[in-house]
Amino acid sequence: MNGTVEYDPDDSVLYVKLTDKKIVSTIPLGDSVFIDISDDNKPVGIKYILTDKNPDNIKAIQSLFLS
């Protein structure tokens, strides 16, 4: 599977899905970044919670992943 990027504007969450493997744990890397891990300790996806509500910054982040 190729990676996919999903954006939920209601919750301001950007998710980069790396694989379809089952998520067995999540590692927080701070207040707004989380790495989902599979049973073989490989990354499944990265969740980034957009805490900056500035519309210009949100558009810039979206354009990086959703272009």
Protein backbone atom coordinates (compact mmCIF):
# COMPACT_ATOMS: atom_id res chain seq x y z
CA MET A 1 0.00 0.00 0.00
CA ASN A 2 1.17 3.51 -0.75
CA GLY A 3 0.79 6.04 2.03
CA THR A 4 -2.33 8.15 2.17
CA VAL A 5 -3.12 11.43 3.87
CA GLU A 6 -6.46 12.17 5.49
CA TYR A 7 -7.61 15.47 6.97
CA ASP A 8 -10.54 15.92 9.31
CA PRO A 9 -11.41 19.64 9.32
CA ASP A 10 -13.97 19.24 12.10
CA ASP A 11 -11.37 17.97 14.56
CA SER A 12 -8.34 19.63 12.88
CA VAL A 13 -6.55 16.28 12.61
CA LEU A 14 -4.12 15.31 9.85
CA TYR A 15 -3.36 11.57 9.56
CA VAL A 16 -0.62 10.08 7.41
CA LYS A 17 -1.42 6.39 6.91
CA LEU A 18 1.66 4.37 6.04
CA THR A 19 0.25 0.84 5.96
CA ASP A 20 -2.97 -1.13 6.47
CA LYS A 21 -1.53 -3.12 9.37
CA LYS A 22 -3.50 -3.30 12.60
CA ILE A 23 -2.64 -0.67 15.21
CA VAL A 24 -1.67 -2.22 18.55
CA SER A 25 -0.22 0.80 20.32
CA THR A 26 0.24 4.54 20.01
CA ILE A 27 3.31 6.50 21.04
CA PRO A 28 2.78 10.18 21.90
CA LEU A 29 5.54 12.49 20.71
CA GLY A 30 4.14 15.51 22.48
CA ASP A 31 0.73 17.06 22.86
CA SER A 32 -0.16 17.01 19.17
CA VAL A 33 1.82 14.24 17.42
CA PHE A 34 1.17 10.50 17.80
CA ILE A 35 2.73 7.49 16.06
CA ASP A 36 0.56 4.38 15.64
CA ILE A 37 2.52 1.11 15.88
CA SER A 38 1.79 -2.39 14.53
CA ASP A 39 2.37 -5.71 16.30
CA ASP A 40 5.78 -5.99 14.61
CA ASN A 41 6.82 -2.57 16.00
CA LYS A 42 6.59 -0.81 12.64
CA PRO A 43 4.89 2.57 12.21
CA VAL A 44 1.35 2.35 10.84
CA GLY A 45 0.54 6.03 10.77
CA ILE A 46 1.21 9.48 12.12
CA LYS A 47 -1.51 11.67 13.63
CA TYR A 48 -0.95 15.40 13.89
CA ILE A 49 -3.50 17.48 15.77
CA LEU A 50 -3.45 21.02 14.45
CA THR A 51 -3.47 23.17 17.54
CA ASP A 52 -2.86 26.38 15.63
CA LYS A 53 -6.27 27.67 14.58
CA ASN A 54 -4.78 30.36 12.33
CA PRO A 55 -6.46 29.69 8.93
CA ASP A 56 -3.32 30.63 6.98
CA ASN A 57 -1.18 28.13 8.91
CA ILE A 58 -3.79 25.38 8.55
CA LYS A 59 -3.97 25.96 4.78
CA ALA A 60 -0.17 25.82 4.55
CA ILE A 61 -0.01 22.51 6.43
CA GLN A 62 -2.83 21.06 4.32
CA SER A 63 -1.10 22.08 1.11
CA LEU A 64 2.01 20.14 2.14
CA PHE A 65 0.07 16.88 2.36
CA LEU A 66 -3.07 17.32 0.28
CA SER A 67 -1.76 18.82 -2.96
